[in-house]
């Protein structure tokens, strides 16, 4: 008979088991702030580029969605590194931990190079799908320049996930705070002093991530850059652990890109309004995403230590906190849509188009926050396959069809994209939380823990 999670290997009590909400908060707040790397840089780009008009903003918005999509597979795969390290803490040898980190960095480099190549090809195709020549030119310039930095950005994500898996969420926080200050200055110089437009915004983004990578490389030390036989083998372990999550990220962002292309065909104003709402959602979503990441770490640690029963406490705490936070954000979106739009753009026509989009975005944010918390728990216990297949099935069965229905057939306009995604999240959330609450993950959690223990034995 195969040993169970509760009996395989050493079982030790968890210090946070009686107070999972406190443990979630302790891990989540540095993750929230370190997430500023993407959110604040994207918001600064949006606010600065908005001064150049709706067409340029529409192009940069489309370019950001596409480049994030091309790197999204790498981002998702490297989440597997965090789970492996969290599961193996306290049971694996130091050599196994080093192998996972080195393998993750090496895998991040290959994935970044692939994203670079795809980005340069995509840059020449995208202008054919924009509503205006100016928007197409801005999208092409942004994609071409930001894609050059894809290896840097993806390797940074590998090191960030490694630090998270080791229980260090504060190093990424420090690096993100430093780089966001640098990015704001670089963005201002590139856009308003040198007049480089969309290309300048992309270059400032790449330079800021280069700074973040340098800081985390210094924190990690030489152990991050060992690429021997053990690290080469560990690449496959990281890839197996994160492949489904990577596929989920890439294809989910692909559905977002489909919505962006639909809206870009309606004109520059709808696409620009969508971009404003996307930035607002990204910025507001950070704490909910951090809760999911913290839940993933705690659930992985519980499985790794043979305390699978503690996963339910983590899940309940994550759902409760995510729901409370999202309700507060939705209230702000609905009640303060007009002043928020006025703060984000001086274009009166764009403000009017953006306000109803903010209301639709509030509904989407509420549903997504709860759903992503469930996905975080499933990734932590090793049920990445179910999580990814659920997300992909819902994304591609709902979003393209409903997006086309809302935006083109019913004439909802820019708000239709968020309404389509809200329907997707309602369905996905129902399936994910049913799987969590009814212990559909128990068998795969046992298998996941045994695999980590085998890796530890191989590297010992």
Protein backbone atom coordinates (compact mmCIF):
# COMPACT_ATOMS: atom_id res chain seq x y z
CA UNK A 1 0.00 0.00 0.00
CA UNK A 2 1.26 3.49 -0.86
CA UNK A 3 1.95 5.72 2.14
CA UNK A 4 -0.36 8.67 2.62
CA UNK A 5 0.50 12.33 2.90
CA UNK A 6 0.05 12.09 6.62
CA UNK A 7 2.53 9.27 7.00
CA UNK A 8 5.18 9.62 4.31
CA UNK A 9 8.42 11.03 5.64
CA UNK A 10 8.82 13.26 8.68
CA UNK A 11 5.65 14.88 10.02
CA UNK A 12 6.06 18.00 12.10
CA UNK A 13 3.51 20.42 13.43
CA UNK A 14 3.02 23.74 11.67
CA UNK A 15 3.50 26.89 13.72
CA UNK A 16 0.71 28.65 11.85
CA UNK A 17 -1.84 25.81 11.81
CA UNK A 18 -4.01 27.31 14.53
CA UNK A 19 -3.94 30.81 12.99
CA UNK A 20 -3.77 30.50 9.17
CA UNK A 21 -5.21 34.00 8.60
CA UNK A 22 -2.30 35.60 10.43
CA UNK A 23 0.18 33.46 8.46
CA UNK A 24 -1.50 34.47 5.19
CA UNK A 25 -1.22 38.14 6.10
CA UNK A 26 2.43 37.78 7.10
CA UNK A 27 3.33 36.29 3.73
CA UNK A 28 0.89 38.27 1.61
CA UNK A 29 1.78 41.86 2.42
CA UNK A 30 5.37 41.71 1.09
CA UNK A 31 4.12 39.82 -1.98
CA UNK A 32 1.51 42.54 -2.51
CA UNK A 33 4.08 45.31 -2.43
CA UNK A 34 6.63 43.41 -4.51
CA UNK A 35 3.90 42.95 -7.13
CA UNK A 36 4.30 46.67 -7.70
CA UNK A 37 7.07 45.65 -10.13
CA UNK A 38 4.42 45.00 -12.75
CA UNK A 39 1.45 47.02 -11.53
CA UNK A 40 3.06 50.37 -10.77
CA UNK A 41 5.29 50.26 -13.86
CA UNK A 42 2.25 49.48 -15.98
CA UNK A 43 0.23 52.22 -14.29
CA UNK A 44 3.02 54.79 -14.71
CA UNK A 45 3.34 53.84 -18.38
CA UNK A 46 -0.43 54.26 -18.80
CA UNK A 47 -0.61 57.64 -17.06
CA UNK A 48 2.41 59.02 -18.93
CA UNK A 49 1.45 57.60 -22.33
CA UNK A 50 -2.14 58.88 -21.93
CA UNK A 51 -0.72 62.39 -22.40
CA UNK A 52 0.16 61.42 -25.98
CA UNK A 53 -3.47 60.67 -26.92
CA UNK A 54 -5.91 57.77 -27.07
CA UNK A 55 -4.30 56.16 -30.14
CA UNK A 56 -0.86 55.80 -28.53
CA UNK A 57 -2.44 54.62 -25.28
CA UNK A 58 -4.46 52.02 -27.19
CA UNK A 59 -1.30 50.77 -28.93
CA UNK A 60 0.75 50.54 -25.75
CA UNK A 61 -2.14 48.81 -23.97
CA UNK A 62 -2.38 46.20 -26.71
CA UNK A 63 1.41 45.79 -26.73
CA UNK A 64 1.51 45.24 -22.97
CA UNK A 65 -1.18 42.55 -23.12
CA UNK A 66 0.65 40.72 -25.92
CA UNK A 67 4.13 40.84 -24.37
CA UNK A 68 2.78 39.69 -21.01
CA UNK A 69 1.01 36.89 -22.84
CA UNK A 70 4.19 35.77 -24.57
CA UNK A 71 6.03 35.68 -21.26
CA UNK A 72 3.01 34.27 -19.43
CA UNK A 73 3.91 30.63 -20.05
CA UNK A 74 7.26 31.21 -18.36
CA UNK A 75 5.66 33.05 -15.44
CA UNK A 76 3.27 30.16 -14.86
CA UNK A 77 5.89 27.42 -15.21
CA UNK A 78 8.15 29.10 -12.68
CA UNK A 79 5.41 29.07 -10.08
CA UNK A 80 6.18 25.37 -9.91
CA UNK A 81 9.61 26.28 -8.53
CA UNK A 82 8.02 28.02 -5.56
CA UNK A 83 5.81 25.01 -4.81
CA UNK A 84 8.70 22.53 -5.04
CA UNK A 85 10.86 24.56 -2.67
CA UNK A 86 8.00 25.12 -0.20
CA UNK A 87 7.16 21.41 -0.17
CA UNK A 88 10.78 20.38 0.25
CA UNK A 89 11.75 22.82 3.00
CA UNK A 90 12.75 20.88 6.08
CA UNK A 91 12.81 17.52 4.28
CA UNK A 92 15.10 17.93 1.25
CA UNK A 93 18.85 18.19 1.41
CA UNK A 94 20.59 21.50 0.77
CA UNK A 95 21.88 20.05 -2.51
CA UNK A 96 18.32 19.39 -3.73
CA UNK A 97 17.26 22.95 -2.90
CA UNK A 98 20.26 24.35 -4.80
CA UNK A 99 19.43 22.11 -7.75
CA UNK A 100 15.84 23.38 -7.89
CA UNK A 101 16.98 27.01 -7.80
CA UNK A 102 19.66 26.58 -10.46
CA UNK A 103 17.30 24.56 -12.63
CA UNK A 104 14.61 27.20 -12.30
CA UNK A 105 16.96 30.02 -13.33
CA UNK A 106 18.23 28.04 -16.32
CA UNK A 107 14.70 27.14 -17.39
CA UNK A 108 13.68 30.81 -17.03
CA UNK A 109 16.48 31.81 -19.38
CA UNK A 110 15.34 29.41 -22.14
CA UNK A 111 11.71 30.46 -21.74
CA UNK A 112 12.71 34.13 -21.91
CA UNK A 113 14.66 33.60 -25.13
CA UNK A 114 11.64 31.87 -26.67
CA UNK A 115 9.41 34.80 -25.67
CA UNK A 116 11.91 37.22 -27.22
CA UNK A 117 11.81 35.42 -30.58
CA UNK A 118 8.01 35.22 -30.62
CA UNK A 119 7.72 38.87 -29.60
CA UNK A 120 9.87 40.14 -32.44
CA UNK A 121 7.76 38.18 -34.93
CA UNK A 122 4.48 39.35 -33.38
CA UNK A 123 5.52 43.01 -33.49
CA UNK A 124 5.17 43.05 -37.28
CA UNK A 125 1.76 41.37 -37.33
CA UNK A 126 -0.13 43.33 -34.65
CA UNK A 127 -0.53 46.64 -36.59
CA UNK A 128 -2.88 44.87 -39.00
CA UNK A 129 -5.43 44.47 -36.18
CA UNK A 130 -5.53 48.02 -34.78
CA UNK A 131 -8.12 50.67 -35.55
CA UNK A 132 -5.61 53.33 -36.60
CA UNK A 133 -2.14 53.54 -38.10
CA UNK A 134 -0.87 55.49 -35.07
CA UNK A 135 -2.08 52.83 -32.61
CA UNK A 136 -0.51 50.10 -34.75
CA UNK A 137 2.82 51.90 -34.85
CA UNK A 138 2.82 52.35 -31.06
CA UNK A 139 1.96 48.67 -30.50
CA UNK A 140 4.74 47.52 -32.85
CA UNK A 141 7.37 49.73 -31.20
CA UNK A 142 6.37 48.70 -27.68
CA UNK A 143 6.35 44.96 -28.44
CA UNK A 144 9.65 45.05 -30.36
CA UNK A 145 11.54 46.80 -27.53
CA UNK A 146 9.96 45.09 -24.53
CA UNK A 147 10.45 41.64 -26.08
CA UNK A 148 14.21 42.25 -26.06
CA UNK A 149 14.01 42.26 -22.27
CA UNK A 150 12.01 39.01 -22.01
CA UNK A 151 14.99 36.87 -20.84
CA UNK A 152 15.76 39.42 -18.12
CA UNK A 153 12.14 39.60 -16.94
CA UNK A 154 11.56 35.83 -16.89
CA UNK A 155 14.83 35.08 -15.07
CA UNK A 156 13.88 37.74 -12.51
CA UNK A 157 10.58 35.91 -12.00
CA UNK A 158 12.51 32.66 -11.45
CA UNK A 159 14.59 34.21 -8.68
CA UNK A 160 11.53 35.87 -7.14
CA UNK A 161 9.65 32.55 -7.03
CA UNK A 162 12.71 30.88 -5.51
CA UNK A 163 12.82 33.44 -2.71
CA UNK A 164 9.08 32.97 -2.10
CA UNK A 165 9.53 29.20 -1.94
CA UNK A 166 12.30 29.63 0.63
CA UNK A 167 9.96 31.72 2.78
CA UNK A 168 11.66 35.03 1.93
CA UNK A 169 9.01 37.41 0.60
CA UNK A 170 10.82 40.59 1.65
CA UNK A 171 13.79 40.55 -0.74
CA UNK A 172 11.45 40.83 -3.73
CA UNK A 173 9.68 43.67 -1.91
CA UNK A 174 12.90 45.65 -1.51
CA UNK A 175 13.90 45.08 -5.13
CA UNK A 176 10.48 46.19 -6.41
CA UNK A 177 10.46 49.40 -4.35
CA UNK A 178 13.91 50.37 -5.62
CA UNK A 179 13.12 49.57 -9.24
CA UNK A 180 9.80 51.42 -9.27
CA UNK A 181 11.48 54.63 -8.21
CA UNK A 182 14.05 54.13 -10.97
CA UNK A 183 11.35 53.25 -13.51
CA UNK A 184 9.33 56.42 -12.90
CA UNK A 185 12.41 58.55 -13.55
CA UNK A 186 13.45 56.56 -16.62
CA UNK A 187 9.91 56.69 -18.01
CA UNK A 188 9.72 60.46 -17.59
CA UNK A 189 13.08 61.01 -19.31
CA UNK A 190 12.31 58.58 -22.16
CA UNK A 191 8.84 60.00 -22.86
CA UNK A 192 8.99 63.70 -22.05
CA UNK A 193 12.69 64.61 -22.37
CA UNK A 194 13.84 62.35 -25.21
CA UNK A 195 10.41 61.99 -26.84
CA UNK A 196 10.83 58.27 -27.57
CA UNK A 197 7.11 57.49 -27.18
CA UNK A 198 5.98 53.88 -26.93
CA UNK A 199 9.51 52.54 -27.47
CA UNK A 200 10.76 54.70 -24.60
CA UNK A 201 8.09 53.34 -22.24
CA UNK A 202 9.11 49.78 -23.13
CA UNK A 203 12.83 50.54 -22.68
CA UNK A 204 12.23 52.06 -19.23
CA UNK A 205 10.33 48.90 -18.30
CA UNK A 206 13.21 46.63 -19.37
CA UNK A 207 15.83 48.73 -17.54
CA UNK A 208 13.79 48.62 -14.33
CA UNK A 209 13.52 44.83 -14.44
CA UNK A 210 17.27 44.61 -15.08
CA UNK A 211 17.78 46.46 -11.81
CA UNK A 212 15.43 44.08 -10.00
CA UNK A 213 17.25 41.07 -11.39
CA UNK A 214 20.58 42.49 -10.20
CA UNK A 215 19.27 42.99 -6.67
CA UNK A 216 17.78 39.49 -6.34
CA UNK A 217 20.91 37.93 -7.87
CA UNK A 218 22.96 39.61 -5.15
CA UNK A 219 20.56 38.37 -2.45
CA UNK A 220 20.53 34.81 -3.75
CA UNK A 221 24.29 34.65 -4.10
CA UNK A 222 26.36 32.18 -6.07
CA UNK A 223 24.00 29.25 -5.37
CA UNK A 224 21.59 30.67 -7.96
CA UNK A 225 24.06 30.17 -10.76
CA UNK A 226 25.21 26.56 -10.48
CA UNK A 227 24.37 24.71 -13.68
CA UNK A 228 25.75 21.22 -13.25
CA UNK A 229 24.14 17.85 -13.86
CA UNK A 230 21.81 18.18 -10.85
CA UNK A 231 20.52 21.55 -12.07
CA UNK A 232 19.93 20.20 -15.57
CA UNK A 233 17.82 17.37 -14.11
CA UNK A 234 15.98 19.80 -11.85
CA UNK A 235 14.83 21.78 -14.90
CA UNK A 236 12.57 18.88 -15.80
CA UNK A 237 11.16 18.72 -12.26
CA UNK A 238 10.34 22.44 -12.34
CA UNK A 239 8.85 22.10 -15.81
CA UNK A 240 6.65 19.18 -14.73
CA UNK A 241 5.52 21.05 -11.62
CA UNK A 242 4.61 24.21 -13.49
CA UNK A 243 3.80 23.17 -17.07
CA UNK A 244 0.04 23.17 -16.62
CA UNK A 245 0.13 26.48 -14.76
CA UNK A 246 2.28 27.92 -17.55
CA UNK A 247 -0.18 26.72 -20.15
CA UNK A 248 -2.98 28.22 -18.07
CA UNK A 249 -1.27 31.61 -17.89
CA UNK A 250 -0.38 31.72 -21.57
CA UNK A 251 -3.81 30.76 -22.85
CA UNK A 252 -5.69 32.86 -20.30
CA UNK A 253 -3.69 35.89 -21.39
CA UNK A 254 -4.40 34.74 -24.93
CA UNK A 255 -8.11 35.12 -24.22
CA UNK A 256 -7.38 38.61 -22.88
CA UNK A 257 -5.48 39.41 -26.06
CA UNK A 258 -8.50 38.23 -28.07
CA UNK A 259 -10.70 40.68 -26.14
CA UNK A 260 -8.14 43.43 -26.71
CA UNK A 261 -8.16 42.75 -30.46
CA UNK A 262 -11.98 42.82 -30.49
CA UNK A 263 -11.99 46.19 -28.76
CA UNK A 264 -9.18 47.61 -30.88
CA UNK A 265 -11.41 47.02 -33.90
CA UNK A 266 -14.13 49.21 -32.34
CA UNK A 267 -11.89 52.27 -32.28
CA UNK A 268 -9.17 53.91 -30.22
CA UNK A 269 -11.50 55.22 -27.47
CA UNK A 270 -12.97 51.81 -26.46
CA UNK A 271 -9.50 50.23 -26.43
CA UNK A 272 -8.05 53.14 -24.45
CA UNK A 273 -10.92 52.93 -21.93
CA UNK A 274 -10.33 49.19 -21.60
CA UNK A 275 -6.63 49.87 -20.97
CA UNK A 276 -7.47 52.33 -18.16
CA UNK A 277 -9.76 49.76 -16.53
CA UNK A 278 -7.17 47.00 -16.96
CA UNK A 279 -4.59 49.09 -15.11
CA UNK A 280 -7.07 49.82 -12.34
CA UNK A 281 -7.90 46.11 -12.00
CA UNK A 282 -4.24 45.06 -12.06
CA UNK A 283 -3.36 47.54 -9.35
CA UNK A 284 -6.37 46.63 -7.19
CA UNK A 285 -5.91 42.89 -7.74
CA UNK A 286 -2.43 42.74 -6.19
CA UNK A 287 -3.53 41.95 -2.61
CA UNK A 288 -5.93 39.23 -3.83
CA UNK A 289 -3.16 37.68 -5.94
CA UNK A 290 -0.80 37.88 -2.97
CA UNK A 291 -3.36 36.06 -0.82
CA UNK A 292 -3.48 33.28 -3.43
CA UNK A 293 0.33 33.09 -3.56
CA UNK A 294 0.54 32.96 0.24
CA UNK A 295 -2.14 30.25 0.31
CA UNK A 296 -0.10 28.30 -2.25
CA UNK A 297 3.02 28.48 -0.07
CA UNK A 298 1.18 27.45 3.12
CA UNK A 299 -0.72 24.62 1.42
CA UNK A 300 2.53 23.32 -0.09
CA UNK A 301 4.25 23.45 3.29
CA UNK A 302 1.32 21.59 4.89
CA UNK A 303 1.50 18.82 2.28
CA UNK A 304 5.29 18.63 2.51
CA UNK A 305 5.17 18.16 6.26
CA UNK A 306 2.41 15.57 6.19
CA UNK A 307 -0.29 17.90 7.55
CA UNK A 308 -2.75 17.80 4.66
CA UNK A 309 -5.67 18.47 7.02
CA UNK A 310 -4.30 21.98 7.56
CA UNK A 311 -5.01 22.78 3.90
CA UNK A 312 -8.70 23.32 4.67
CA UNK A 313 -7.87 25.98 7.26
CA UNK A 314 -5.68 27.77 4.73
CA UNK A 315 -8.42 27.54 2.09
CA UNK A 316 -11.13 28.97 4.36
CA UNK A 317 -8.90 31.84 5.46
CA UNK A 318 -7.86 32.66 1.87
CA UNK A 319 -11.45 32.67 0.62
CA UNK A 320 -12.69 34.84 3.47
CA UNK A 321 -9.92 37.45 3.20
CA UNK A 322 -10.05 37.59 -0.63
CA UNK A 323 -13.82 38.07 -0.63
CA UNK A 324 -13.71 40.85 1.96
CA UNK A 325 -10.99 42.73 0.14
CA UNK A 326 -12.66 42.38 -3.26
CA UNK A 327 -15.99 43.68 -1.94
CA UNK A 328 -14.22 46.81 -0.71
CA UNK A 329 -12.54 47.34 -4.10
CA UNK A 330 -15.80 46.83 -5.99
CA UNK A 331 -17.50 49.44 -3.81
CA UNK A 332 -14.76 51.96 -4.63
CA UNK A 333 -14.95 51.21 -8.38
CA UNK A 334 -18.70 51.77 -8.47
CA UNK A 335 -18.96 54.77 -6.15
CA UNK A 336 -15.85 56.66 -7.29
CA UNK A 337 -15.70 55.84 -11.00
CA UNK A 338 -15.96 59.45 -12.12
CA UNK A 339 -13.11 60.93 -10.02
CA UNK A 340 -10.92 57.90 -10.78
CA UNK A 341 -11.40 58.42 -14.52
CA UNK A 342 -10.67 62.14 -14.12
CA UNK A 343 -7.43 61.32 -12.29
CA UNK A 344 -6.29 58.87 -14.96
CA UNK A 345 -6.92 60.99 -18.07
CA UNK A 346 -7.61 64.57 -19.12
CA UNK A 347 -9.56 63.45 -22.20
CA UNK A 348 -13.25 64.13 -21.43
CA UNK A 349 -14.53 61.76 -24.12
CA UNK A 350 -12.30 58.97 -22.79
CA UNK A 351 -13.58 59.58 -19.25
CA UNK A 352 -17.18 59.08 -20.32
CA UNK A 353 -16.38 55.85 -22.14
CA UNK A 354 -14.29 54.57 -19.20
CA UNK A 355 -16.84 54.96 -16.38
CA UNK A 356 -19.20 52.09 -17.34
CA UNK A 357 -16.13 49.94 -18.04
CA UNK A 358 -15.04 50.51 -14.42
CA UNK A 359 -18.41 49.19 -13.21
CA UNK A 360 -18.07 46.01 -15.27
CA UNK A 361 -14.48 45.67 -14.04
CA UNK A 362 -15.74 45.78 -10.44
CA UNK A 363 -17.87 42.69 -11.02
CA UNK A 364 -14.99 40.88 -12.65
CA UNK A 365 -12.56 41.79 -9.85
CA UNK A 366 -14.94 40.50 -7.19
CA UNK A 367 -15.32 37.09 -8.84
CA UNK A 368 -11.68 36.76 -9.88
CA UNK A 369 -10.33 37.48 -6.39
CA UNK A 370 -12.26 34.57 -4.87
CA UNK A 371 -11.48 32.24 -7.78
CA UNK A 372 -7.74 32.88 -7.80
CA UNK A 373 -7.55 32.10 -4.07
CA UNK A 374 -8.87 28.62 -4.84
CA UNK A 375 -6.37 28.22 -7.66
CA UNK A 376 -3.57 29.12 -5.23
CA UNK A 377 -4.60 26.37 -2.81
CA UNK A 378 -4.75 23.80 -5.62
CA UNK A 379 -1.28 24.74 -6.91
CA UNK A 380 0.13 24.40 -3.41
CA UNK A 381 -1.14 20.85 -2.94
CA UNK A 382 0.13 19.80 -6.36
CA UNK A 383 -3.19 19.84 -8.22
CA UNK A 384 -1.89 22.14 -10.95
CA UNK A 385 -3.40 20.00 -13.68
CA UNK A 386 -6.97 20.33 -12.45
CA UNK A 387 -6.49 24.03 -11.73
CA UNK A 388 -5.10 24.73 -15.20
CA UNK A 389 -7.60 22.62 -17.13
CA UNK A 390 -10.47 24.22 -15.23
CA UNK A 391 -9.17 27.72 -15.93
CA UNK A 392 -8.49 27.01 -19.59
CA UNK A 393 -11.81 25.30 -20.20
CA UNK A 394 -13.72 28.18 -18.66
CA UNK A 395 -11.58 30.86 -20.35
CA UNK A 396 -11.94 29.55 -23.87
CA UNK A 397 -15.51 28.33 -23.60
CA UNK A 398 -16.76 31.64 -22.17
CA UNK A 399 -14.53 34.61 -22.96
CA UNK A 400 -14.15 34.61 -26.78
CA UNK A 401 -17.79 33.76 -27.49
CA UNK A 402 -19.29 36.02 -24.82
CA UNK A 403 -16.78 38.75 -25.61
CA UNK A 404 -17.89 38.78 -29.23
CA UNK A 405 -21.55 38.62 -28.17
CA UNK A 406 -21.28 41.54 -25.73
CA UNK A 407 -19.00 43.80 -27.78
CA UNK A 408 -20.18 43.21 -31.36
CA UNK A 409 -23.69 41.73 -31.26
CA UNK A 410 -25.29 43.39 -28.21
CA UNK A 411 -23.30 46.61 -28.59
CA UNK A 412 -22.15 46.79 -24.97
CA UNK A 413 -18.82 48.15 -26.15
CA UNK A 414 -15.68 48.30 -24.01
CA UNK A 415 -17.50 47.01 -20.90
CA UNK A 416 -18.31 43.78 -22.75
CA UNK A 417 -14.81 42.42 -22.29
CA UNK A 418 -15.03 42.53 -18.51
CA UNK A 419 -18.57 41.16 -18.49
CA UNK A 420 -17.39 38.15 -20.52
CA UNK A 421 -14.53 37.53 -18.10
CA UNK A 422 -16.86 37.90 -15.10
CA UNK A 423 -18.98 35.05 -16.50
CA UNK A 424 -15.81 33.00 -16.94
CA UNK A 425 -14.77 33.60 -13.31
CA UNK A 426 -18.21 32.69 -11.97
CA UNK A 427 -18.02 29.29 -13.64
CA UNK A 428 -14.36 28.65 -12.81
CA UNK A 429 -14.77 29.70 -9.18
CA UNK A 430 -17.67 27.30 -8.67
CA UNK A 431 -15.64 24.36 -10.05
CA UNK A 432 -12.41 25.21 -8.23
CA UNK A 433 -13.92 25.66 -4.78
CA UNK A 434 -16.01 22.51 -5.14
CA UNK A 435 -12.79 20.60 -5.81
CA UNK A 436 -11.06 22.18 -2.80
CA UNK A 437 -13.94 21.71 -0.36
CA UNK A 438 -14.65 18.09 -1.36
CA UNK A 439 -11.01 16.89 -1.09
CA UNK A 440 -10.66 16.22 -4.80
CA UNK A 441 -6.95 17.01 -4.42
CA UNK A 442 -5.97 14.43 -1.76
CA UNK A 443 -4.61 11.74 -4.07
CA UNK A 444 -2.54 14.11 -6.17
CA UNK A 445 -1.16 15.74 -2.99
CA UNK A 446 0.13 12.37 -1.83
CA UNK A 447 1.79 11.80 -5.20
CA UNK A 448 3.31 15.29 -5.14
CA UNK A 449 4.88 14.77 -1.73
CA UNK A 450 6.35 11.40 -2.64
CA UNK A 451 7.96 12.95 -5.74
CA UNK A 452 9.60 15.69 -3.65
CA UNK A 453 10.95 13.11 -1.19
CA UNK A 454 12.37 11.05 -4.06
CA UNK A 455 14.13 14.13 -5.43
CA UNK A 456 15.57 14.84 -1.99
CA UNK A 457 16.84 11.26 -1.77
CA UNK A 458 18.43 11.48 -5.22
CA UNK A 459 20.34 14.64 -4.36
CA UNK A 460 21.29 13.66 -0.81
